[in-house]
């Protein structure tokens, strides 16, 4: 990242200038040289870091609107050409989010394929737009449609507890999808290793804006599990995020959080400590579970957003169903795109909004983002304040 390198050079120049001045003013013997220079170096770095926070792990910060492209389109040149034309015609769109199943990125143990990411990143950089990646560790099976392979084949071994488990919706036994066996420490280690490799490759890229993970909702295991596995699952998920922040010190890391209610307060509190962005898979302004605020019961996730405004990044997702109704069960009303935007901006205090590129509704999103008041604002009407969790933010 150019700003990091530039600031580092400034630090070295200041250090050398002070050392030269020190040596001219206070002649020292050869035996004293190493010790004295070391003292000056430590002092210089310490003072510079305290007085110039831009040196200490500045984070790339380009809040605003991003589109989330459909999974099958990310490697389709015709589809992506249309996406890029929309980006170029819509100044308020700052980039795109692409989702990849774990199995797409790690093809065999320790063997990685980042060809798709590299190509999309190069294409976006050429037009001045940015890329956010979501590593999907949970899959959904729409009725009558296949889903991609979730985890690499080697994770199916007993050592990894099969790597994944099948789940259903609450009160049903019908297969809904798969979630990873993150309670297993070996699965956790392999996921951490994926992020380590990706951090080495992408953290310093100026157009690699963020990397995140899918929703916290566990699902109802079709095969019964001991209760302690869920506790380990969420403990290990937090540990993964701690590592992610260390591997991406100059890049926003993100976690979608929605359920279960019982973990929200402690889980979000840990994200705050780590400096991980809070996201969510839906913007449903009337959804009871997300808005829950009953006496003597855990609150819904939406109540945590305003409390964290200005502290960590806030980056909700607008999904397919969000365009159709204000509630997941369809019992609400049909919202306008402007109403979805207003709720994400005013109630959730969003810094980033990720709009799913649903062909039926996305033209309305583009119309909104090209309205004069939004188009002229680099941040598309969203809060651009650098979060306190970051030492500093860089453009």
Protein backbone atom coordinates (compact mmCIF):
# COMPACT_ATOMS: atom_id res chain seq x y z
CA UNK A 1 0.00 0.00 0.00
CA UNK A 2 1.61 3.23 -1.21
CA UNK A 3 0.70 5.35 1.83
CA UNK A 4 2.22 2.84 4.23
CA UNK A 5 5.46 2.70 2.27
CA UNK A 6 5.60 6.50 1.97
CA UNK A 7 5.10 7.01 5.69
CA UNK A 8 7.67 4.36 6.50
CA UNK A 9 10.23 6.20 4.33
CA UNK A 10 9.41 9.42 6.17
CA UNK A 11 10.04 7.65 9.47
CA UNK A 12 13.43 6.36 8.32
CA UNK A 13 14.45 9.81 7.00
CA UNK A 14 13.49 11.50 10.27
CA UNK A 15 15.40 8.85 12.19
CA UNK A 16 18.55 9.33 10.07
CA UNK A 17 18.37 13.12 10.29
CA UNK A 18 18.12 12.98 14.08
CA UNK A 19 21.00 10.50 14.33
CA UNK A 20 23.20 12.74 12.14
CA UNK A 21 22.32 15.78 14.21
CA UNK A 22 23.00 13.89 17.42
CA UNK A 23 26.43 12.75 16.20
CA UNK A 24 27.41 16.27 15.11
CA UNK A 25 26.40 17.86 18.38
CA UNK A 26 27.66 15.12 20.67
CA UNK A 27 30.80 13.33 19.33
CA UNK A 28 30.94 9.71 20.51
CA UNK A 29 33.54 6.99 20.51
CA UNK A 30 33.28 3.88 18.39
CA UNK A 31 32.45 1.84 21.46
CA UNK A 32 29.54 4.14 22.35
CA UNK A 33 28.18 4.39 18.82
CA UNK A 34 25.94 1.33 18.66
CA UNK A 35 24.37 1.93 22.06
CA UNK A 36 23.72 5.65 21.47
CA UNK A 37 22.29 5.19 18.00
CA UNK A 38 19.99 2.49 19.38
CA UNK A 39 18.67 4.85 22.04
CA UNK A 40 18.00 7.56 19.45
CA UNK A 41 16.28 5.08 17.13
CA UNK A 42 13.91 3.80 19.82
CA UNK A 43 13.16 7.34 20.96
CA UNK A 44 12.54 8.54 17.41
CA UNK A 45 10.20 5.68 16.50
CA UNK A 46 8.28 6.00 19.75
CA UNK A 47 7.75 9.75 19.41
CA UNK A 48 6.85 9.48 15.74
CA UNK A 49 4.30 6.76 16.32
CA UNK A 50 2.64 8.64 19.15
CA UNK A 51 2.49 11.94 17.26
CA UNK A 52 1.74 10.51 13.77
CA UNK A 53 -0.83 7.74 14.02
CA UNK A 54 -0.79 7.37 10.24
CA UNK A 55 2.32 5.22 10.61
CA UNK A 56 0.78 2.66 12.94
CA UNK A 57 -1.16 0.24 10.75
CA UNK A 58 -3.35 2.65 8.77
CA UNK A 59 -6.38 0.86 7.34
CA UNK A 60 -7.67 1.33 3.79
CA UNK A 61 -10.93 3.18 4.21
CA UNK A 62 -13.34 3.76 1.32
CA UNK A 63 -16.84 3.69 2.83
CA UNK A 64 -19.89 3.90 0.61
CA UNK A 65 -21.91 1.62 -1.64
CA UNK A 66 -20.76 -1.70 -3.11
CA UNK A 67 -22.65 -4.27 -5.15
CA UNK A 68 -22.57 -7.95 -4.30
CA UNK A 69 -22.48 -9.90 -7.53
CA UNK A 70 -24.22 -13.21 -8.06
CA UNK A 71 -22.05 -16.27 -7.46
CA UNK A 72 -22.10 -17.75 -10.96
CA UNK A 73 -21.34 -14.42 -12.59
CA UNK A 74 -17.96 -13.71 -11.04
CA UNK A 75 -16.07 -15.67 -13.70
CA UNK A 76 -18.37 -14.84 -16.62
CA UNK A 77 -16.74 -12.14 -18.83
CA UNK A 78 -20.07 -11.00 -20.28
CA UNK A 79 -21.67 -10.66 -16.85
CA UNK A 80 -18.64 -8.88 -15.38
CA UNK A 81 -18.45 -6.50 -18.34
CA UNK A 82 -21.95 -5.33 -17.50
CA UNK A 83 -21.00 -4.94 -13.83
CA UNK A 84 -17.97 -2.83 -14.74
CA UNK A 85 -20.07 -0.60 -17.01
CA UNK A 86 -22.47 0.00 -14.11
CA UNK A 87 -19.57 0.82 -11.81
CA UNK A 88 -18.12 3.34 -14.28
CA UNK A 89 -21.53 4.97 -14.79
CA UNK A 90 -22.27 5.21 -11.03
CA UNK A 91 -19.70 7.26 -9.06
CA UNK A 92 -21.37 6.37 -5.75
CA UNK A 93 -20.57 2.67 -6.32
CA UNK A 94 -17.10 2.25 -4.88
CA UNK A 95 -16.60 -1.40 -5.79
CA UNK A 96 -17.96 -4.92 -5.54
CA UNK A 97 -18.17 -7.80 -3.12
CA UNK A 98 -17.58 -11.34 -4.36
CA UNK A 99 -18.34 -14.52 -2.42
CA UNK A 100 -16.19 -17.63 -2.63
CA UNK A 101 -16.77 -20.98 -0.97
CA UNK A 102 -13.74 -22.18 0.97
CA UNK A 103 -13.41 -25.08 -1.50
CA UNK A 104 -13.03 -22.65 -4.40
CA UNK A 105 -9.96 -21.06 -2.82
CA UNK A 106 -8.24 -24.12 -1.33
CA UNK A 107 -8.41 -26.89 -3.91
CA UNK A 108 -6.37 -29.41 -1.89
CA UNK A 109 -4.59 -29.20 1.46
CA UNK A 110 -2.22 -26.25 1.27
CA UNK A 111 -2.90 -25.72 -2.45
CA UNK A 112 -4.63 -22.46 -3.28
CA UNK A 113 -6.22 -21.02 -6.39
CA UNK A 114 -6.60 -17.24 -6.32
CA UNK A 115 -6.79 -16.82 -10.09
CA UNK A 116 -10.34 -15.47 -10.01
CA UNK A 117 -9.57 -12.97 -7.25
CA UNK A 118 -6.40 -11.78 -8.99
CA UNK A 119 -8.24 -11.22 -12.27
CA UNK A 120 -11.17 -9.36 -10.71
CA UNK A 121 -8.79 -7.26 -8.60
CA UNK A 122 -6.75 -6.23 -11.63
CA UNK A 123 -9.89 -5.33 -13.59
CA UNK A 124 -11.28 -3.27 -10.73
CA UNK A 125 -8.00 -1.47 -10.10
CA UNK A 126 -7.91 -0.45 -13.78
CA UNK A 127 -11.17 1.51 -13.31
CA UNK A 128 -10.41 2.78 -9.81
CA UNK A 129 -12.89 0.52 -8.00
CA UNK A 130 -12.33 -1.80 -5.03
CA UNK A 131 -12.85 -5.42 -4.06
CA UNK A 132 -14.30 -6.99 -0.93
CA UNK A 133 -14.16 -10.78 -0.53
CA UNK A 134 -16.47 -12.94 1.55
CA UNK A 135 -15.21 -16.43 2.34
CA UNK A 136 -18.35 -18.54 2.63
CA UNK A 137 -18.18 -21.14 5.35
CA UNK A 138 -21.91 -21.84 5.23
CA UNK A 139 -23.98 -22.88 2.25
CA UNK A 140 -27.68 -22.69 1.44
CA UNK A 141 -29.60 -25.01 -0.85
CA UNK A 142 -32.45 -23.20 -2.61
CA UNK A 143 -35.32 -25.49 -3.52
CA UNK A 144 -34.64 -27.23 -6.79
CA UNK A 145 -31.19 -25.67 -7.24
CA UNK A 146 -27.72 -27.11 -6.60
CA UNK A 147 -25.15 -25.38 -4.42
CA UNK A 148 -21.37 -25.28 -4.70
CA UNK A 149 -19.05 -27.50 -2.71
CA UNK A 150 -18.46 -25.83 0.66
CA UNK A 151 -15.16 -27.21 2.01
CA UNK A 152 -12.10 -28.84 0.42
CA UNK A 153 -12.35 -32.63 0.12
CA UNK A 154 -9.51 -33.32 2.55
CA UNK A 155 -11.60 -31.82 5.36
CA UNK A 156 -14.11 -34.66 5.00
CA UNK A 157 -11.75 -36.91 7.02
CA UNK A 158 -12.44 -38.00 10.63
CA UNK A 159 -9.59 -35.81 11.84
CA UNK A 160 -11.76 -32.82 10.93
CA UNK A 161 -15.10 -34.31 12.08
CA UNK A 162 -16.10 -34.43 8.42
CA UNK A 163 -15.35 -30.73 7.98
CA UNK A 164 -19.02 -29.76 7.78
CA UNK A 165 -22.46 -30.68 9.07
CA UNK A 166 -25.90 -30.67 7.45
CA UNK A 167 -28.51 -28.37 8.96
CA UNK A 168 -32.19 -27.64 8.60
CA UNK A 169 -34.41 -24.72 9.56
CA UNK A 170 -35.89 -24.53 13.04
CA UNK A 171 -38.74 -27.01 13.44
CA UNK A 172 -37.90 -28.88 10.23
CA UNK A 173 -35.79 -31.87 9.22
CA UNK A 174 -35.47 -30.85 5.56
CA UNK A 175 -31.90 -30.21 4.41
CA UNK A 176 -31.29 -26.46 4.26
CA UNK A 177 -27.53 -26.42 3.70
CA UNK A 178 -24.15 -27.06 5.33
CA UNK A 179 -22.07 -25.27 7.96
CA UNK A 180 -18.43 -25.93 8.83
CA UNK A 181 -17.36 -28.00 11.84
CA UNK A 182 -15.55 -25.05 13.37
CA UNK A 183 -15.64 -26.57 16.86
CA UNK A 184 -12.87 -28.84 15.60
CA UNK A 185 -9.46 -27.25 16.30
CA UNK A 186 -7.98 -28.74 13.11
CA UNK A 187 -10.70 -27.13 11.00
CA UNK A 188 -10.01 -23.86 12.78
CA UNK A 189 -6.27 -24.17 12.06
CA UNK A 190 -6.88 -24.77 8.35
CA UNK A 191 -9.23 -21.79 8.09
CA UNK A 192 -6.66 -19.61 9.86
CA UNK A 193 -4.01 -20.81 7.42
CA UNK A 194 -6.22 -19.79 4.48
CA UNK A 195 -6.48 -16.28 5.87
CA UNK A 196 -2.74 -16.16 6.59
CA UNK A 197 -1.94 -16.97 2.96
CA UNK A 198 -4.52 -14.47 1.71
CA UNK A 199 -3.19 -11.80 4.05
CA UNK A 200 0.33 -12.18 2.67
CA UNK A 201 -1.04 -11.85 -0.85
CA UNK A 202 -3.64 -9.09 -0.52
CA UNK A 203 -3.24 -7.02 2.65
CA UNK A 204 -0.97 -4.43 1.01
CA UNK A 205 -2.94 -4.19 -2.25
CA UNK A 206 -4.50 -0.69 -2.35
CA UNK A 207 -7.68 -1.91 -4.09
CA UNK A 208 -8.29 -4.90 -1.82
CA UNK A 209 -10.76 -3.21 0.51
CA UNK A 210 -11.95 -5.93 2.85
CA UNK A 211 -12.38 -9.60 3.65
CA UNK A 212 -15.12 -11.20 5.69
CA UNK A 213 -17.12 -14.24 6.68
CA UNK A 214 -20.74 -15.28 6.37
CA UNK A 215 -23.51 -15.12 9.00
CA UNK A 216 -23.25 -16.47 12.55
CA UNK A 217 -26.59 -18.33 12.46
CA UNK A 218 -25.72 -21.94 13.25
CA UNK A 219 -28.67 -23.83 11.76
CA UNK A 220 -30.42 -26.82 13.30
CA UNK A 221 -28.11 -29.87 12.91
CA UNK A 222 -29.91 -32.71 11.20
CA UNK A 223 -27.78 -35.16 13.20
CA UNK A 224 -27.98 -34.36 16.90
CA UNK A 225 -24.87 -32.78 18.46
CA UNK A 226 -23.60 -32.32 22.03
CA UNK A 227 -24.43 -28.83 23.27
CA UNK A 228 -20.81 -27.89 23.92
CA UNK A 229 -19.98 -27.96 20.20
CA UNK A 230 -21.81 -24.68 19.61
CA UNK A 231 -19.85 -22.98 22.38
CA UNK A 232 -16.59 -24.17 20.81
CA UNK A 233 -17.83 -23.08 17.38
CA UNK A 234 -18.27 -19.45 18.43
CA UNK A 235 -15.11 -19.39 20.57
CA UNK A 236 -13.11 -20.63 17.58
CA UNK A 237 -14.79 -18.14 15.26
CA UNK A 238 -13.59 -15.32 17.48
CA UNK A 239 -10.09 -16.83 17.47
CA UNK A 240 -10.14 -16.90 13.68
CA UNK A 241 -10.98 -13.20 13.64
CA UNK A 242 -8.16 -12.39 16.03
CA UNK A 243 -5.77 -14.01 13.56
CA UNK A 244 -7.41 -12.31 10.60
CA UNK A 245 -6.78 -8.87 12.09
CA UNK A 246 -3.09 -9.74 12.48
CA UNK A 247 -2.86 -11.02 8.89
CA UNK A 248 -4.77 -8.02 7.49
CA UNK A 249 -3.50 -5.12 9.62
CA UNK A 250 -4.18 -2.58 6.83
CA UNK A 251 -7.45 -4.09 5.57
CA UNK A 252 -10.98 -4.16 6.97
CA UNK A 253 -12.04 -7.57 8.26
CA UNK A 254 -15.77 -8.29 8.50
CA UNK A 255 -18.19 -10.66 10.23
CA UNK A 256 -21.89 -11.04 9.42
CA UNK A 257 -23.82 -11.40 12.68
CA UNK A 258 -27.51 -12.23 13.02
CA UNK A 259 -28.26 -15.14 15.39
CA UNK A 260 -28.43 -16.79 17.95
CA UNK A 261 -29.64 -14.12 20.36
CA UNK A 262 -27.89 -15.76 23.31
CA UNK A 263 -24.39 -15.03 22.00
CA UNK A 264 -24.88 -11.58 20.49
CA UNK A 265 -23.80 -9.32 23.36
CA UNK A 266 -20.59 -11.19 24.15
CA UNK A 267 -19.78 -11.98 20.52
CA UNK A 268 -20.22 -8.41 19.31
CA UNK A 269 -18.25 -7.20 22.31
CA UNK A 270 -15.33 -9.36 21.19
CA UNK A 271 -15.57 -8.04 17.63
CA UNK A 272 -15.36 -4.54 19.08
CA UNK A 273 -12.20 -5.44 20.99
CA UNK A 274 -10.61 -7.01 17.92
CA UNK A 275 -11.64 -4.19 15.56
CA UNK A 276 -13.67 -6.39 13.22
CA UNK A 277 -16.43 -4.76 11.17
CA UNK A 278 -20.02 -5.68 12.04
CA UNK A 279 -22.12 -6.80 9.10
CA UNK A 280 -25.33 -8.73 8.68
CA UNK A 281 -26.92 -10.76 5.90
CA UNK A 282 -30.14 -8.71 5.78
CA UNK A 283 -31.65 -5.25 6.00
CA UNK A 284 -35.17 -6.13 7.19
CA UNK A 285 -36.50 -3.07 8.99
CA UNK A 286 -39.51 -4.93 10.46
CA UNK A 287 -37.97 -8.36 11.14
CA UNK A 288 -38.95 -9.27 14.76
CA UNK A 289 -35.86 -11.34 15.57
CA UNK A 290 -33.40 -8.73 14.33
CA UNK A 291 -35.25 -5.88 16.08
CA UNK A 292 -36.06 -7.80 19.28
CA UNK A 293 -35.96 -5.63 22.38
CA UNK A 294 -37.94 -7.46 25.05
CA UNK A 295 -37.48 -7.07 28.77
CA UNK A 296 -35.20 -9.70 30.35
CA UNK A 297 -34.33 -11.21 26.96
CA UNK A 298 -31.27 -10.78 24.72
CA UNK A 299 -31.64 -7.98 22.20
CA UNK A 300 -31.69 -8.42 18.45
CA UNK A 301 -28.58 -7.50 16.48
CA UNK A 302 -29.94 -4.21 15.10
CA UNK A 303 -29.74 -2.62 18.54
CA UNK A 304 -25.95 -3.02 18.59
CA UNK A 305 -25.29 -1.02 15.43
CA UNK A 306 -25.88 2.54 16.73
CA UNK A 307 -23.92 1.76 19.90
CA UNK A 308 -20.90 0.84 17.77
CA UNK A 309 -21.14 3.79 15.37
CA UNK A 310 -17.74 5.43 15.05
CA UNK A 311 -16.06 2.58 16.95
CA UNK A 312 -15.90 -0.25 14.39
CA UNK A 313 -17.00 -0.28 10.73
CA UNK A 314 -20.69 -1.02 10.14
CA UNK A 315 -21.43 -2.76 6.85
CA UNK A 316 -24.84 -4.46 6.40
CA UNK A 317 -25.85 -6.48 3.33
CA UNK A 318 -29.01 -6.01 1.28
CA UNK A 319 -30.05 -9.47 0.12
CA UNK A 320 -32.63 -10.72 -2.40
CA UNK A 321 -35.48 -11.01 0.10
CA UNK A 322 -34.84 -7.52 1.47
CA UNK A 323 -36.06 -6.00 -1.81
CA UNK A 324 -39.27 -8.01 -1.59
CA UNK A 325 -40.52 -7.44 1.95
CA UNK A 326 -39.60 -5.80 5.24
CA UNK A 327 -39.88 -9.19 6.99
CA UNK A 328 -38.42 -12.57 6.15
CA UNK A 329 -41.83 -14.29 6.43
CA UNK A 330 -43.43 -11.84 4.00
CA UNK A 331 -45.80 -10.46 6.65
CA UNK A 332 -44.45 -6.91 6.37
CA UNK A 333 -44.66 -4.49 3.49
CA UNK A 334 -42.87 -4.12 0.16
CA UNK A 335 -40.14 -1.52 0.70
CA UNK A 336 -38.76 0.95 -1.80
CA UNK A 337 -35.00 0.99 -2.33
CA UNK A 338 -35.00 4.45 -0.75
CA UNK A 339 -36.61 3.00 2.42
CA UNK A 340 -33.99 0.25 2.62
CA UNK A 341 -31.25 2.83 2.21
CA UNK A 342 -32.74 5.13 4.86
CA UNK A 343 -32.98 2.31 7.41
CA UNK A 344 -29.38 1.20 6.78
CA UNK A 345 -28.13 4.78 6.95
CA UNK A 346 -30.19 6.15 9.85
CA UNK A 347 -30.95 3.15 12.05
CA UNK A 348 -27.88 1.01 11.40
CA UNK A 349 -25.48 3.98 10.99
CA UNK A 350 -23.83 2.22 8.07
CA UNK A 351 -20.40 3.08 6.70
CA UNK A 352 -20.72 0.52 3.91
CA UNK A 353 -23.79 -0.99 2.25
CA UNK A 354 -23.49 -4.10 0.08
CA UNK A 355 -26.36 -4.26 -2.43
CA UNK A 356 -27.06 -7.67 -3.97
CA UNK A 357 -27.24 -7.34 -7.73
CA UNK A 358 -30.67 -8.89 -8.16
CA UNK A 359 -31.68 -8.21 -11.80
CA UNK A 360 -35.30 -7.58 -10.87
CA UNK A 361 -34.53 -4.77 -8.41
CA UNK A 362 -30.98 -3.58 -9.03
CA UNK A 363 -31.93 -0.93 -11.61
CA UNK A 364 -33.74 0.87 -8.77
CA UNK A 365 -30.54 0.78 -6.71
CA UNK A 366 -28.61 2.38 -9.57
CA UNK A 367 -31.31 5.05 -9.94
CA UNK A 368 -31.02 5.87 -6.24
CA UNK A 369 -27.22 6.02 -6.29
CA UNK A 370 -27.27 8.32 -9.30
CA UNK A 371 -29.53 10.88 -7.65
CA UNK A 372 -27.63 14.19 -7.46
CA UNK A 373 -27.33 14.41 -3.66
CA UNK A 374 -25.90 10.89 -3.44
CA UNK A 375 -23.83 10.93 -6.63
CA UNK A 376 -21.92 14.09 -5.63
CA UNK A 377 -20.94 12.62 -2.23
CA UNK A 378 -17.90 10.29 -2.41
CA UNK A 379 -19.44 8.28 0.43
CA UNK A 380 -22.95 8.11 -1.03
CA UNK A 381 -24.58 9.70 2.00
CA UNK A 382 -23.04 7.27 4.50
CA UNK A 383 -20.86 8.06 7.51
CA UNK A 384 -17.18 8.31 6.57
CA UNK A 385 -15.71 8.84 10.06
CA UNK A 386 -12.64 6.68 10.65
CA UNK A 387 -13.55 4.13 13.37
CA UNK A 388 -11.80 4.43 16.71
CA UNK A 389 -10.79 0.76 16.43
CA UNK A 390 -8.27 1.84 13.76
CA UNK A 391 -5.18 3.84 14.59
CA UNK A 392 -5.85 5.72 11.37
CA UNK A 393 -7.51 5.43 7.97
CA UNK A 394 -5.99 6.09 4.55
CA UNK A 395 -7.55 6.79 1.20
